[in-house]
Amino acid sequence: MINDICIDENDYNRIIVIGDLHGYDEPLIRLIQKIQMRDDDLVIFIGDYIDRGPASKPLIDNLIQLKSSNKNTIFLKGNHEDMMLGSMGFPAVIKDINTWLYNGGSSTLYSYGVQRKEMFNLINVWDDNERFQFLKDLIPKSHIDFLLDLRLFIESDHYFFCHAGISPYSNVTDGKRNAFDLLWMRDHIYAQELNWGKIVVCGHTPLHEVLITDQLICIDTGLFYYGKLSAINVLTEQIYQVQRIY
């Protein structure tokens, strides 16, 4: 999937990127309050809304509401949304439900009301179509539509936004054609030299602090692992943060 859309940075006062949420809705509410979103802002969510935390379902409800009330929001696809879609039979990089459940998908299903016995039965269903139908009946259509509408990337004159990143040995033109890298890449975080031509803004790799270099911004500060949710206005590099309280 390639969605070549280039935004004009001059159209916005702030371009704010929000890091991985991983099933926590309450920190997002406080972060939005701290950011104080305005009509001339563009807000980009970097993906990984689901899995690991306890509130994936209410979080998706909140994101759908935010999307409907604020036209200047863009929601990118994370590897966890890709695994969830693949587990339901939709096109995805990873289509194995066991991989999804191992990576936190079980917490997401619990938030939708699945019981432990149902989870065990789901894992042992041999008929893919039966499993797909169970999940499609479980997940509200509005949530499935939200997931299917997620973008793999968005870019502007100076920035390239995606969930995980692109290879340190690639360039933006080639990198945006590699869906696996856009959703799973980590090598660039530790690369000594990057020559992309644009600043890549990503999440996916949890760090203790926001990483900012001349070619890379990583906004994932490990809400699940380290208890910190971060956002950044890429135009000024101003950072907004909240701590998880549960």
C-alpha atoms as a PDB file:
ATOM      1  CA  MET A   1       0.000   0.000   0.000  1.00  0.00           C
ATOM      2  CA  ILE A   2       1.426   3.364  -1.029  1.00  0.00           C
ATOM      3  CA  ASN A   3      -0.406   6.568  -0.216  1.00  0.00           C
ATOM      4  CA  ASP A   4       1.639   9.421  -1.621  1.00  0.00           C
ATOM      5  CA  ILE A   5       0.182  12.428   0.157  1.00  0.00           C
ATOM      6  CA  CYS A   6       2.420  15.404   0.844  1.00  0.00           C
ATOM      7  CA  ILE A   7       1.148  17.920   3.376  1.00  0.00           C
ATOM      8  CA  ASP A   8       2.072  21.598   3.221  1.00  0.00           C
ATOM      9  CA  GLU A   9       3.845  22.598   6.413  1.00  0.00           C
ATOM     10  CA  ASN A  10       2.818  26.221   5.871  1.00  0.00           C
ATOM     11  CA  ASP A  11      -0.844  25.287   6.346  1.00  0.00           C
ATOM     12  CA  TYR A  12      -0.341  24.653  10.060  1.00  0.00           C
ATOM     13  CA  ASN A  13       0.861  26.534  13.107  1.00  0.00           C
ATOM     14  CA  ARG A  14       1.970  23.299  14.757  1.00  0.00           C
ATOM     15  CA  ILE A  15       2.522  19.760  13.473  1.00  0.00           C
ATOM     16  CA  ILE A  16       2.223  17.583  16.552  1.00  0.00           C
ATOM     17  CA  VAL A  17       3.087  13.887  16.578  1.00  0.00           C
ATOM     18  CA  ILE A  18       1.755  11.665  19.369  1.00  0.00           C
ATOM     19  CA  GLY A  19       3.588   8.495  20.353  1.00  0.00           C
ATOM     20  CA  ASP A  20       2.507   4.878  20.800  1.00  0.00           C
ATOM     21  CA  LEU A  21      -0.541   4.485  23.060  1.00  0.00           C
ATOM     22  CA  HIS A  22      -0.744   0.694  23.504  1.00  0.00           C
ATOM     23  CA  GLY A  23      -4.164   0.400  25.055  1.00  0.00           C
ATOM     24  CA  TYR A  24      -4.039   3.289  27.539  1.00  0.00           C
ATOM     25  CA  ASP A  25      -6.759   5.898  27.117  1.00  0.00           C
ATOM     26  CA  GLU A  26      -6.405   8.008  30.262  1.00  0.00           C
ATOM     27  CA  PRO A  27      -2.878   9.335  29.537  1.00  0.00           C
ATOM     28  CA  LEU A  28      -4.025  10.429  26.071  1.00  0.00           C
ATOM     29  CA  ILE A  29      -6.852  12.473  27.573  1.00  0.00           C
ATOM     30  CA  ARG A  30      -4.378  14.327  29.796  1.00  0.00           C
ATOM     31  CA  LEU A  31      -1.888  14.769  26.960  1.00  0.00           C
ATOM     32  CA  ILE A  32      -4.555  16.296  24.699  1.00  0.00           C
ATOM     33  CA  GLN A  33      -5.443  18.691  27.519  1.00  0.00           C
ATOM     34  CA  LYS A  34      -1.789  19.676  27.838  1.00  0.00           C
ATOM     35  CA  ILE A  35      -1.370  20.172  24.085  1.00  0.00           C
ATOM     36  CA  GLN A  36      -4.557  22.299  23.820  1.00  0.00           C
ATOM     37  CA  MET A  37      -5.244  21.452  20.195  1.00  0.00           C
ATOM     38  CA  ARG A  38      -6.241  24.341  17.943  1.00  0.00           C
ATOM     39  CA  ASP A  39      -7.881  24.528  14.524  1.00  0.00           C
ATOM     40  CA  ASP A  40      -4.589  25.454  12.842  1.00  0.00           C
ATOM     41  CA  ASP A  41      -2.746  22.432  14.236  1.00  0.00           C
ATOM     42  CA  LEU A  42      -2.116  19.142  12.452  1.00  0.00           C
ATOM     43  CA  VAL A  43      -2.021  16.187  14.843  1.00  0.00           C
ATOM     44  CA  ILE A  44      -0.454  12.931  13.659  1.00  0.00           C
ATOM     45  CA  PHE A  45      -0.834   9.737  15.664  1.00  0.00           C
ATOM     46  CA  ILE A  46       2.126   7.426  15.045  1.00  0.00           C
ATOM     47  CA  GLY A  47       0.296   4.100  15.467  1.00  0.00           C
ATOM     48  CA  ASP A  48       0.143   1.215  17.966  1.00  0.00           C
ATOM     49  CA  TYR A  49      -3.116   2.215  19.603  1.00  0.00           C
ATOM     50  CA  ILE A  50      -3.895  -1.315  20.770  1.00  0.00           C
ATOM     51  CA  ASP A  51      -2.346  -4.247  22.684  1.00  0.00           C
ATOM     52  CA  ARG A  52      -0.575  -4.646  26.037  1.00  0.00           C
ATOM     53  CA  GLY A  53      -2.570  -2.026  27.971  1.00  0.00           C
ATOM     54  CA  PRO A  54      -6.056  -2.674  29.423  1.00  0.00           C
ATOM     55  CA  ALA A  55      -8.198  -0.223  27.455  1.00  0.00           C
ATOM     56  CA  SER A  56      -7.787  -0.776  23.711  1.00  0.00           C
ATOM     57  CA  LYS A  57     -11.530  -0.755  23.036  1.00  0.00           C
ATOM     58  CA  PRO A  58     -12.345   2.529  24.837  1.00  0.00           C
ATOM     59  CA  LEU A  59      -9.195   4.066  23.376  1.00  0.00           C
ATOM     60  CA  ILE A  60     -10.319   3.285  19.829  1.00  0.00           C
ATOM     61  CA  ASP A  61     -13.726   4.752  20.710  1.00  0.00           C
ATOM     62  CA  ASN A  62     -11.973   7.951  21.818  1.00  0.00           C
ATOM     63  CA  LEU A  63      -9.826   8.105  18.693  1.00  0.00           C
ATOM     64  CA  ILE A  64     -12.863   7.684  16.440  1.00  0.00           C
ATOM     65  CA  GLN A  65     -14.561  10.541  18.278  1.00  0.00           C
ATOM     66  CA  LEU A  66     -11.449  12.703  17.995  1.00  0.00           C
ATOM     67  CA  LYS A  67     -11.208  11.954  14.284  1.00  0.00           C
ATOM     68  CA  SER A  68     -14.830  12.977  13.712  1.00  0.00           C
ATOM     69  CA  SER A  69     -14.527  16.200  15.697  1.00  0.00           C
ATOM     70  CA  ASN A  70     -11.150  17.362  14.374  1.00  0.00           C
ATOM     71  CA  LYS A  71     -10.509  17.303  10.637  1.00  0.00           C
ATOM     72  CA  ASN A  72      -6.780  17.976  11.090  1.00  0.00           C
ATOM     73  CA  THR A  73      -5.917  14.566  12.526  1.00  0.00           C
ATOM     74  CA  ILE A  74      -4.017  11.808  10.746  1.00  0.00           C
ATOM     75  CA  PHE A  75      -3.815   8.267  12.095  1.00  0.00           C
ATOM     76  CA  LEU A  76      -0.929   6.060  10.974  1.00  0.00           C
ATOM     77  CA  LYS A  77      -0.887   2.270  11.117  1.00  0.00           C
ATOM     78  CA  GLY A  78       1.329   0.505  13.609  1.00  0.00           C
ATOM     79  CA  ASN A  79       2.526  -3.080  13.489  1.00  0.00           C
ATOM     80  CA  HIS A  80      -0.016  -3.981  16.176  1.00  0.00           C
ATOM     81  CA  GLU A  81      -2.963  -2.738  14.116  1.00  0.00           C
ATOM     82  CA  ASP A  82      -1.511  -4.628  11.152  1.00  0.00           C
ATOM     83  CA  MET A  83      -1.388  -7.857  13.188  1.00  0.00           C
ATOM     84  CA  MET A  84      -4.960  -7.349  14.378  1.00  0.00           C
ATOM     85  CA  LEU A  85      -6.193  -6.821  10.827  1.00  0.00           C
ATOM     86  CA  GLY A  86      -4.253  -9.856   9.619  1.00  0.00           C
ATOM     87  CA  SER A  87      -5.806 -11.956  12.380  1.00  0.00           C
ATOM     88  CA  MET A  88      -9.228 -10.973  11.025  1.00  0.00           C
ATOM     89  CA  GLY A  89      -8.338 -12.013   7.486  1.00  0.00           C
ATOM     90  CA  PHE A  90      -7.649  -8.571   6.052  1.00  0.00           C
ATOM     91  CA  PRO A  91      -4.503  -7.816   4.008  1.00  0.00           C
ATOM     92  CA  ALA A  92      -1.561  -7.400   6.361  1.00  0.00           C
ATOM     93  CA  VAL A  93       2.173  -7.970   6.685  1.00  0.00           C
ATOM     94  CA  ILE A  94       1.658 -10.376   9.599  1.00  0.00           C
ATOM     95  CA  LYS A  95      -1.394 -12.648   9.447  1.00  0.00           C
ATOM     96  CA  ASP A  96      -0.681 -15.139  12.243  1.00  0.00           C
ATOM     97  CA  ILE A  97      -3.019 -14.760  15.230  1.00  0.00           C
ATOM     98  CA  ASN A  98      -0.546 -16.421  17.607  1.00  0.00           C
ATOM     99  CA  THR A  99       2.048 -13.769  16.775  1.00  0.00           C
ATOM    100  CA  TRP A 100      -0.533 -11.084  17.514  1.00  0.00           C
ATOM    101  CA  LEU A 101      -1.631 -12.636  20.817  1.00  0.00           C
ATOM    102  CA  TYR A 102       2.002 -13.092  21.896  1.00  0.00           C
ATOM    103  CA  ASN A 103       2.615  -9.392  21.236  1.00  0.00           C
ATOM    104  CA  GLY A 104      -0.243  -8.186  23.425  1.00  0.00           C
ATOM    105  CA  GLY A 105      -3.288  -8.979  21.324  1.00  0.00           C
ATOM    106  CA  SER A 106      -4.810 -10.976  24.172  1.00  0.00           C
ATOM    107  CA  SER A 107      -5.145  -7.777  26.228  1.00  0.00           C
ATOM    108  CA  THR A 108      -6.976  -6.185  23.320  1.00  0.00           C
ATOM    109  CA  LEU A 109      -9.410  -9.083  23.025  1.00  0.00           C
ATOM    110  CA  TYR A 110     -10.047  -9.001  26.784  1.00  0.00           C
ATOM    111  CA  SER A 111     -10.962  -5.314  26.435  1.00  0.00           C
ATOM    112  CA  TYR A 112     -13.592  -6.342  23.864  1.00  0.00           C
ATOM    113  CA  GLY A 113     -15.075  -8.799  26.332  1.00  0.00           C
ATOM    114  CA  VAL A 114     -13.463 -12.101  25.327  1.00  0.00           C
ATOM    115  CA  GLN A 115     -13.231 -14.551  28.225  1.00  0.00           C
ATOM    116  CA  ARG A 116     -10.178 -16.736  28.893  1.00  0.00           C
ATOM    117  CA  LYS A 117     -11.966 -19.904  27.795  1.00  0.00           C
ATOM    118  CA  GLU A 118     -12.982 -18.190  24.544  1.00  0.00           C
ATOM    119  CA  MET A 119      -9.377 -17.126  24.037  1.00  0.00           C
ATOM    120  CA  PHE A 120      -8.188 -20.704  24.409  1.00  0.00           C
ATOM    121  CA  ASN A 121     -10.848 -21.917  21.979  1.00  0.00           C
ATOM    122  CA  LEU A 122      -9.956 -19.194  19.484  1.00  0.00           C
ATOM    123  CA  ILE A 123      -6.309 -20.234  19.427  1.00  0.00           C
ATOM    124  CA  ASN A 124      -7.308 -23.812  18.668  1.00  0.00           C
ATOM    125  CA  VAL A 125      -9.741 -23.043  15.842  1.00  0.00           C
ATOM    126  CA  TRP A 126      -8.329 -24.784  12.765  1.00  0.00           C
ATOM    127  CA  ASP A 127     -10.685 -23.122  10.276  1.00  0.00           C
ATOM    128  CA  ASP A 128      -9.327 -19.665   9.422  1.00  0.00           C
ATOM    129  CA  ASN A 129     -12.690 -18.447   8.159  1.00  0.00           C
ATOM    130  CA  GLU A 130     -14.367 -19.440  11.417  1.00  0.00           C
ATOM    131  CA  ARG A 131     -11.779 -17.506  13.399  1.00  0.00           C
ATOM    132  CA  PHE A 132     -12.037 -14.506  11.065  1.00  0.00           C
ATOM    133  CA  GLN A 133     -15.807 -14.438  11.492  1.00  0.00           C
ATOM    134  CA  PHE A 134     -15.587 -14.685  15.283  1.00  0.00           C
ATOM    135  CA  LEU A 135     -13.308 -11.648  15.397  1.00  0.00           C
ATOM    136  CA  LYS A 136     -15.350  -9.654  12.885  1.00  0.00           C
ATOM    137  CA  ASP A 137     -18.488 -10.320  14.932  1.00  0.00           C
ATOM    138  CA  LEU A 138     -16.668  -9.296  18.106  1.00  0.00           C
ATOM    139  CA  ILE A 139     -15.081  -6.032  16.889  1.00  0.00           C
ATOM    140  CA  PRO A 140     -17.530  -3.174  16.146  1.00  0.00           C
ATOM    141  CA  LYS A 141     -17.703  -2.276  12.466  1.00  0.00           C
ATOM    142  CA  SER A 142     -16.740   1.314  13.282  1.00  0.00           C
ATOM    143  CA  HIS A 143     -13.506   0.026  14.838  1.00  0.00           C
ATOM    144  CA  ILE A 144     -12.736  -2.196  11.859  1.00  0.00           C
ATOM    145  CA  ASP A 145     -13.377   0.737   9.505  1.00  0.00           C
ATOM    146  CA  PHE A 146     -11.048   2.904  11.596  1.00  0.00           C
ATOM    147  CA  LEU A 147      -8.297   0.285  11.389  1.00  0.00           C
ATOM    148  CA  LEU A 148      -8.733  -0.201   7.645  1.00  0.00           C
ATOM    149  CA  ASP A 149      -8.474   3.556   7.097  1.00  0.00           C
ATOM    150  CA  LEU A 150      -5.063   3.907   8.766  1.00  0.00           C
ATOM    151  CA  ARG A 151      -2.215   5.207   6.599  1.00  0.00           C
ATOM    152  CA  LEU A 152       1.208   3.621   6.323  1.00  0.00           C
ATOM    153  CA  PHE A 153       2.904   7.027   6.062  1.00  0.00           C
ATOM    154  CA  ILE A 154       2.486  10.716   5.411  1.00  0.00           C
ATOM    155  CA  GLU A 155       5.127  13.242   4.374  1.00  0.00           C
ATOM    156  CA  SER A 156       5.848  16.935   3.942  1.00  0.00           C
ATOM    157  CA  ASP A 157       8.680  18.862   2.318  1.00  0.00           C
ATOM    158  CA  HIS A 158      11.004  18.243   5.260  1.00  0.00           C
ATOM    159  CA  TYR A 159       9.510  15.308   7.195  1.00  0.00           C
ATOM    160  CA  PHE A 160       8.497  11.699   6.603  1.00  0.00           C
ATOM    161  CA  PHE A 161       6.114  10.246   9.198  1.00  0.00           C
ATOM    162  CA  CYS A 162       5.635   6.512   9.693  1.00  0.00           C
ATOM    163  CA  HIS A 163       5.203   4.098  12.567  1.00  0.00           C
ATOM    164  CA  ALA A 164       8.546   2.283  12.750  1.00  0.00           C
ATOM    165  CA  GLY A 165      10.958   3.830  10.269  1.00  0.00           C
ATOM    166  CA  ILE A 166      12.851   3.049   7.083  1.00  0.00           C
ATOM    167  CA  SER A 167      16.119   1.245   6.560  1.00  0.00           C
ATOM    168  CA  PRO A 168      19.249   3.287   7.301  1.00  0.00           C
ATOM    169  CA  TYR A 169      20.586   1.979   3.988  1.00  0.00           C
ATOM    170  CA  SER A 170      17.557   3.113   1.992  1.00  0.00           C
ATOM    171  CA  ASN A 171      16.012   6.438   1.049  1.00  0.00           C
ATOM    172  CA  VAL A 172      12.522   7.842   1.499  1.00  0.00           C
ATOM    173  CA  THR A 173      11.440   7.066  -2.064  1.00  0.00           C
ATOM    174  CA  ASP A 174      12.333   3.379  -1.748  1.00  0.00           C
ATOM    175  CA  GLY A 175      11.543   3.144   1.964  1.00  0.00           C
ATOM    176  CA  LYS A 176       7.883   4.013   1.613  1.00  0.00           C
ATOM    177  CA  ARG A 177       7.431   0.987  -0.652  1.00  0.00           C
ATOM    178  CA  ASN A 178       8.586  -1.406   2.062  1.00  0.00           C
ATOM    179  CA  ALA A 179       5.567  -2.037   4.299  1.00  0.00           C
ATOM    180  CA  PHE A 180       7.473  -4.381   6.613  1.00  0.00           C
ATOM    181  CA  ASP A 181      10.085  -1.711   7.388  1.00  0.00           C
ATOM    182  CA  LEU A 182       7.449   0.998   7.840  1.00  0.00           C
ATOM    183  CA  LEU A 183       5.802  -1.171  10.498  1.00  0.00           C
ATOM    184  CA  TRP A 184       8.721  -3.068  12.090  1.00  0.00           C
ATOM    185  CA  MET A 185      12.115  -1.409  11.366  1.00  0.00           C
ATOM    186  CA  ARG A 186      14.417  -0.660  14.310  1.00  0.00           C
ATOM    187  CA  ASP A 187      17.937  -0.647  12.775  1.00  0.00           C
ATOM    188  CA  HIS A 188      17.849   3.081  12.032  1.00  0.00           C
ATOM    189  CA  ILE A 189      17.527   3.966  15.727  1.00  0.00           C
ATOM    190  CA  TYR A 190      21.115   2.860  16.340  1.00  0.00           C
ATOM    191  CA  ALA A 191      22.656   3.764  12.980  1.00  0.00           C
ATOM    192  CA  GLN A 192      25.691   6.034  13.066  1.00  0.00           C
ATOM    193  CA  GLU A 193      24.920   7.814   9.794  1.00  0.00           C
ATOM    194  CA  LEU A 194      21.621   8.529   8.065  1.00  0.00           C
ATOM    195  CA  ASN A 195      21.238  10.218   4.683  1.00  0.00           C
ATOM    196  CA  TRP A 196      17.519  10.178   3.976  1.00  0.00           C
ATOM    197  CA  GLY A 197      17.148  13.765   2.820  1.00  0.00           C
ATOM    198  CA  LYS A 198      14.128  14.203   5.081  1.00  0.00           C
ATOM    199  CA  ILE A 199      13.717  13.918   8.829  1.00  0.00           C
ATOM    200  CA  VAL A 200      12.024  10.598   9.587  1.00  0.00           C
ATOM    201  CA  VAL A 201       9.543  10.867  12.468  1.00  0.00           C
ATOM    202  CA  CYS A 202       8.567   7.526  13.983  1.00  0.00           C
ATOM    203  CA  GLY A 203       7.590   5.584  17.089  1.00  0.00           C
ATOM    204  CA  HIS A 204       7.684   1.801  17.598  1.00  0.00           C
ATOM    205  CA  THR A 205      11.013   1.556  19.448  1.00  0.00           C
ATOM    206  CA  PRO A 206      10.441   2.452  23.125  1.00  0.00           C
ATOM    207  CA  LEU A 207      13.083   4.797  24.513  1.00  0.00           C
ATOM    208  CA  HIS A 208      13.397   6.522  27.879  1.00  0.00           C
ATOM    209  CA  GLU A 209      13.373   9.943  26.209  1.00  0.00           C
ATOM    210  CA  VAL A 210      12.370  11.401  22.856  1.00  0.00           C
ATOM    211  CA  LEU A 211      15.203  10.920  20.357  1.00  0.00           C
ATOM    212  CA  ILE A 212      16.000  13.955  18.200  1.00  0.00           C
ATOM    213  CA  THR A 213      18.825  14.058  15.652  1.00  0.00           C
ATOM    214  CA  ASP A 214      19.297  15.947  12.405  1.00  0.00           C
ATOM    215  CA  GLN A 215      17.669  13.074  10.450  1.00  0.00           C
ATOM    216  CA  LEU A 216      15.495  11.237  12.975  1.00  0.00           C
ATOM    217  CA  ILE A 217      12.855  11.824  15.645  1.00  0.00           C
ATOM    218  CA  CYS A 218      11.585   8.845  17.645  1.00  0.00           C
ATOM    219  CA  ILE A 219       8.601   9.785  19.783  1.00  0.00           C
ATOM    220  CA  ASP A 220       7.907   6.439  21.513  1.00  0.00           C
ATOM    221  CA  THR A 221       8.827   6.812  25.194  1.00  0.00           C
ATOM    222  CA  GLY A 222       7.395   3.464  26.259  1.00  0.00           C
ATOM    223  CA  LEU A 223       3.962   4.170  27.723  1.00  0.00           C
ATOM    224  CA  PHE A 224       3.620   0.459  28.527  1.00  0.00           C
ATOM    225  CA  TYR A 225       7.240  -0.183  29.553  1.00  0.00           C
ATOM    226  CA  TYR A 226       8.314   3.120  31.120  1.00  0.00           C
ATOM    227  CA  GLY A 227       4.965   4.795  31.838  1.00  0.00           C
ATOM    228  CA  LYS A 228       5.563   7.907  29.744  1.00  0.00           C
ATOM    229  CA  LEU A 229       3.521   9.221  26.798  1.00  0.00           C
ATOM    230  CA  SER A 230       5.132  11.900  24.630  1.00  0.00           C
ATOM    231  CA  ALA A 231       4.235  14.218  21.777  1.00  0.00           C
ATOM    232  CA  ILE A 232       6.325  16.689  19.821  1.00  0.00           C
ATOM    233  CA  ASN A 233       5.722  19.737  17.669  1.00  0.00           C
ATOM    234  CA  VAL A 234       8.210  18.879  14.940  1.00  0.00           C
ATOM    235  CA  LEU A 235       8.366  22.479  13.696  1.00  0.00           C
ATOM    236  CA  THR A 236       9.817  23.736  17.000  1.00  0.00           C
ATOM    237  CA  GLU A 237      10.831  20.461  18.706  1.00  0.00           C
ATOM    238  CA  GLN A 238       8.705  21.363  21.732  1.00  0.00           C
ATOM    239  CA  ILE A 239       7.885  18.197  23.685  1.00  0.00           C
ATOM    240  CA  TYR A 240       4.716  17.448  25.642  1.00  0.00           C
ATOM    241  CA  GLN A 241       4.667  14.567  28.143  1.00  0.00           C
ATOM    242  CA  VAL A 242       2.473  12.873  30.724  1.00  0.00           C
ATOM    243  CA  GLN A 243       3.121   9.986  33.098  1.00  0.00           C
ATOM    244  CA  ARG A 244       0.886   6.941  33.310  1.00  0.00           C
ATOM    245  CA  ILE A 245      -0.834   6.734  36.685  1.00  0.00           C
ATOM    246  CA  TYR A 246      -2.014   3.109  36.542  1.00  0.00           C
END
